[in-house]
Amino acid sequence: MKNEIKLFFHCKDCGGGHPAVGWTDKGVQVWCETCDENILHLDFMGQKMKYADDEEQAHKEINCKCGLCGEESK
């Protein structure tokens, strides 16, 4: 997979900081750990999401196996 990022999210207060990105009950949140402030919170409005993996397998269900986040393996 190649980097397809067009724009970066950054903190409006510190101009960068240390962004933390993670899943929430509603979607995905980007949080500035330097300022302890929200940068962005995407609400998927209950929609099921998939992520782009690579060109041979264009989409795959999100399925965490870390055991820390509470997402169950399927």
N, C-alpha and C. Protein backbone atom coordinates (compact mmCIF):
# COMPACT_ATOMS: atom_id res chain seq x y z
N MET A 1 0.84 -1.17 0.00
CA MET A 1 0.00 0.00 0.00
C MET A 1 0.89 1.24 0.00
N LYS A 2 0.44 2.28 -0.68
CA LYS A 2 1.22 3.52 -0.72
C LYS A 2 0.51 4.61 0.07
N ASN A 3 1.24 5.64 0.42
CA ASN A 3 0.69 6.77 1.16
C ASN A 3 -0.19 7.59 0.22
N GLU A 4 -1.47 7.70 0.55
CA GLU A 4 -2.41 8.48 -0.26
C GLU A 4 -2.94 9.70 0.48
N ILE A 5 -2.27 10.12 1.56
CA ILE A 5 -2.72 11.26 2.35
C ILE A 5 -2.58 12.54 1.52
N LYS A 6 -3.65 13.32 1.48
CA LYS A 6 -3.67 14.59 0.74
C LYS A 6 -3.46 15.78 1.67
N LEU A 7 -4.04 15.73 2.86
CA LEU A 7 -3.93 16.79 3.86
C LEU A 7 -3.73 16.15 5.23
N PHE A 8 -3.00 16.81 6.10
CA PHE A 8 -2.78 16.31 7.45
C PHE A 8 -3.65 17.06 8.45
N PHE A 9 -4.07 16.37 9.49
CA PHE A 9 -4.76 17.02 10.60
C PHE A 9 -3.71 17.54 11.56
N HIS A 10 -3.93 18.75 12.07
CA HIS A 10 -3.01 19.31 13.05
C HIS A 10 -3.78 20.15 14.05
N CYS A 11 -3.20 20.35 15.20
CA CYS A 11 -3.82 21.12 16.26
C CYS A 11 -3.79 22.61 15.91
N LYS A 12 -4.93 23.28 16.05
CA LYS A 12 -5.01 24.71 15.74
C LYS A 12 -4.27 25.55 16.79
N ASP A 13 -4.09 24.99 18.00
CA ASP A 13 -3.43 25.75 19.07
C ASP A 13 -1.92 25.67 19.01
N CYS A 14 -1.38 24.48 18.82
CA CYS A 14 0.08 24.33 18.85
C CYS A 14 0.68 24.06 17.46
N GLY A 15 -0.18 23.89 16.45
CA GLY A 15 0.31 23.70 15.09
C GLY A 15 0.82 22.32 14.78
N GLY A 16 0.71 21.42 15.68
CA GLY A 16 1.19 20.06 15.43
C GLY A 16 0.94 19.19 16.64
N GLY A 17 1.82 19.31 17.63
CA GLY A 17 1.66 18.53 18.85
C GLY A 17 1.91 17.06 18.62
N HIS A 18 1.33 16.26 19.47
CA HIS A 18 1.42 14.81 19.36
C HIS A 18 0.01 14.27 19.17
N PRO A 19 -0.43 14.11 17.91
CA PRO A 19 -1.79 13.64 17.68
C PRO A 19 -1.94 12.15 18.01
N ALA A 20 -3.01 11.85 18.70
CA ALA A 20 -3.40 10.47 18.97
C ALA A 20 -4.65 10.22 18.13
N VAL A 21 -4.69 9.09 17.45
CA VAL A 21 -5.83 8.75 16.59
C VAL A 21 -6.39 7.42 17.05
N GLY A 22 -7.71 7.36 17.21
CA GLY A 22 -8.30 6.11 17.65
C GLY A 22 -9.80 6.05 17.44
N TRP A 23 -10.32 4.84 17.62
CA TRP A 23 -11.76 4.58 17.47
C TRP A 23 -12.51 5.06 18.69
N THR A 24 -13.70 5.60 18.47
CA THR A 24 -14.62 5.96 19.55
C THR A 24 -15.92 5.21 19.31
N ASP A 25 -16.89 5.40 20.20
CA ASP A 25 -18.21 4.77 19.99
C ASP A 25 -18.88 5.29 18.73
N LYS A 26 -18.56 6.53 18.31
CA LYS A 26 -19.19 7.13 17.14
C LYS A 26 -18.39 6.97 15.86
N GLY A 27 -17.07 6.88 15.97
CA GLY A 27 -16.24 6.83 14.76
C GLY A 27 -14.76 6.88 15.08
N VAL A 28 -14.09 7.94 14.61
CA VAL A 28 -12.65 8.11 14.81
C VAL A 28 -12.39 9.51 15.35
N GLN A 29 -11.48 9.60 16.32
CA GLN A 29 -11.12 10.89 16.89
C GLN A 29 -9.62 11.11 16.77
N VAL A 30 -9.25 12.36 16.45
CA VAL A 30 -7.86 12.80 16.45
C VAL A 30 -7.74 13.77 17.62
N TRP A 31 -6.83 13.47 18.55
CA TRP A 31 -6.70 14.22 19.80
C TRP A 31 -5.28 14.74 19.94
N CYS A 32 -5.12 16.00 20.31
CA CYS A 32 -3.79 16.57 20.55
C CYS A 32 -3.39 16.26 21.99
N GLU A 33 -2.40 15.38 22.16
CA GLU A 33 -1.96 15.03 23.50
C GLU A 33 -1.14 16.15 24.13
N THR A 34 -0.58 17.04 23.33
CA THR A 34 0.17 18.19 23.86
C THR A 34 -0.77 19.18 24.53
N CYS A 35 -1.85 19.55 23.84
CA CYS A 35 -2.80 20.55 24.34
C CYS A 35 -3.98 19.93 25.09
N ASP A 36 -4.11 18.60 25.02
CA ASP A 36 -5.25 17.90 25.61
C ASP A 36 -6.56 18.45 25.05
N GLU A 37 -6.59 18.56 23.72
CA GLU A 37 -7.75 19.12 23.01
C GLU A 37 -8.13 18.24 21.81
N ASN A 38 -9.41 18.28 21.47
CA ASN A 38 -9.90 17.59 20.29
C ASN A 38 -9.42 18.31 19.03
N ILE A 39 -8.92 17.56 18.06
CA ILE A 39 -8.58 18.11 16.75
C ILE A 39 -9.72 17.82 15.78
N LEU A 40 -10.21 16.59 15.81
CA LEU A 40 -11.27 16.18 14.89
C LEU A 40 -11.94 14.93 15.45
N HIS A 41 -13.26 14.85 15.32
CA HIS A 41 -13.99 13.65 15.70
C HIS A 41 -14.98 13.34 14.58
N LEU A 42 -14.71 12.28 13.83
CA LEU A 42 -15.58 11.88 12.73
C LEU A 42 -16.67 10.96 13.25
N ASP A 43 -17.92 11.32 13.04
CA ASP A 43 -19.06 10.52 13.43
C ASP A 43 -19.54 9.75 12.20
N PHE A 44 -19.41 8.42 12.24
CA PHE A 44 -19.82 7.60 11.10
C PHE A 44 -21.32 7.33 11.09
N MET A 45 -22.04 7.87 12.07
CA MET A 45 -23.50 7.79 12.13
C MET A 45 -24.01 6.36 12.02
N GLY A 46 -23.32 5.44 12.69
CA GLY A 46 -23.75 4.05 12.74
C GLY A 46 -23.43 3.22 11.52
N GLN A 47 -22.77 3.77 10.54
CA GLN A 47 -22.43 3.04 9.32
C GLN A 47 -21.32 2.03 9.59
N LYS A 48 -21.39 0.86 8.99
CA LYS A 48 -20.28 -0.10 9.06
C LYS A 48 -19.16 0.42 8.19
N MET A 49 -17.94 0.29 8.66
CA MET A 49 -16.80 0.80 7.93
C MET A 49 -15.85 -0.32 7.54
N LYS A 50 -15.15 -0.12 6.46
CA LYS A 50 -14.09 -1.01 6.02
C LYS A 50 -12.87 -0.15 5.77
N TYR A 51 -11.70 -0.76 5.75
CA TYR A 51 -10.50 0.01 5.46
C TYR A 51 -9.81 -0.55 4.22
N ALA A 52 -9.14 0.33 3.50
CA ALA A 52 -8.41 -0.09 2.31
C ALA A 52 -7.13 -0.78 2.76
N ASP A 53 -6.87 -1.97 2.23
CA ASP A 53 -5.72 -2.77 2.63
C ASP A 53 -4.61 -2.66 1.60
N ASP A 54 -4.82 -3.23 0.45
CA ASP A 54 -3.86 -3.14 -0.64
C ASP A 54 -4.60 -3.38 -1.95
N GLU A 55 -3.88 -3.37 -3.04
CA GLU A 55 -4.55 -3.47 -4.33
C GLU A 55 -5.14 -4.85 -4.59
N GLU A 56 -4.55 -5.92 -4.03
CA GLU A 56 -5.11 -7.25 -4.24
C GLU A 56 -6.36 -7.48 -3.40
N GLN A 57 -6.39 -6.88 -2.23
CA GLN A 57 -7.55 -7.02 -1.34
C GLN A 57 -8.00 -5.60 -1.00
N ALA A 58 -8.83 -5.01 -1.84
CA ALA A 58 -9.18 -3.60 -1.75
C ALA A 58 -9.85 -3.21 -0.43
N HIS A 59 -10.67 -4.07 0.13
CA HIS A 59 -11.34 -3.75 1.39
C HIS A 59 -11.37 -4.97 2.30
N LYS A 60 -11.28 -4.71 3.58
CA LYS A 60 -11.29 -5.77 4.58
C LYS A 60 -12.02 -5.23 5.81
N GLU A 61 -12.80 -6.07 6.48
CA GLU A 61 -13.51 -5.61 7.67
C GLU A 61 -12.52 -5.26 8.77
N ILE A 62 -12.82 -4.20 9.51
CA ILE A 62 -11.99 -3.82 10.65
C ILE A 62 -12.22 -4.86 11.73
N ASN A 63 -11.15 -5.44 12.21
CA ASN A 63 -11.26 -6.53 13.16
C ASN A 63 -10.02 -6.56 14.04
N CYS A 64 -10.07 -5.90 15.17
CA CYS A 64 -8.91 -5.79 16.05
C CYS A 64 -8.72 -7.08 16.84
N LYS A 65 -7.47 -7.48 17.00
CA LYS A 65 -7.14 -8.68 17.76
C LYS A 65 -6.24 -8.36 18.95
N CYS A 66 -6.12 -7.06 19.31
CA CYS A 66 -5.21 -6.66 20.37
C CYS A 66 -5.71 -7.07 21.76
N GLY A 67 -7.03 -7.18 21.93
CA GLY A 67 -7.59 -7.51 23.23
C GLY A 67 -7.70 -6.33 24.17
N LEU A 68 -7.18 -5.17 23.78
CA LEU A 68 -7.21 -4.00 24.66
C LEU A 68 -8.40 -3.08 24.40
N CYS A 69 -8.85 -3.01 23.16
CA CYS A 69 -9.88 -2.05 22.79
C CYS A 69 -11.30 -2.58 22.98
N GLY A 70 -11.47 -3.86 23.18
CA GLY A 70 -12.80 -4.41 23.35
C GLY A 70 -13.46 -4.88 22.08
N GLU A 71 -12.82 -4.63 20.93
CA GLU A 71 -13.37 -5.10 19.65
C GLU A 71 -13.21 -6.62 19.60
N GLU A 72 -14.28 -7.32 19.32
CA GLU A 72 -14.23 -8.77 19.27
C GLU A 72 -13.74 -9.25 17.91
N SER A 73 -12.89 -10.26 17.91
CA SER A 73 -12.44 -10.89 16.68
C SER A 73 -13.58 -11.70 16.09
N LYS A 74 -13.68 -11.69 14.76
CA LYS A 74 -14.74 -12.46 14.10
C LYS A 74 -14.13 -13.57 13.30
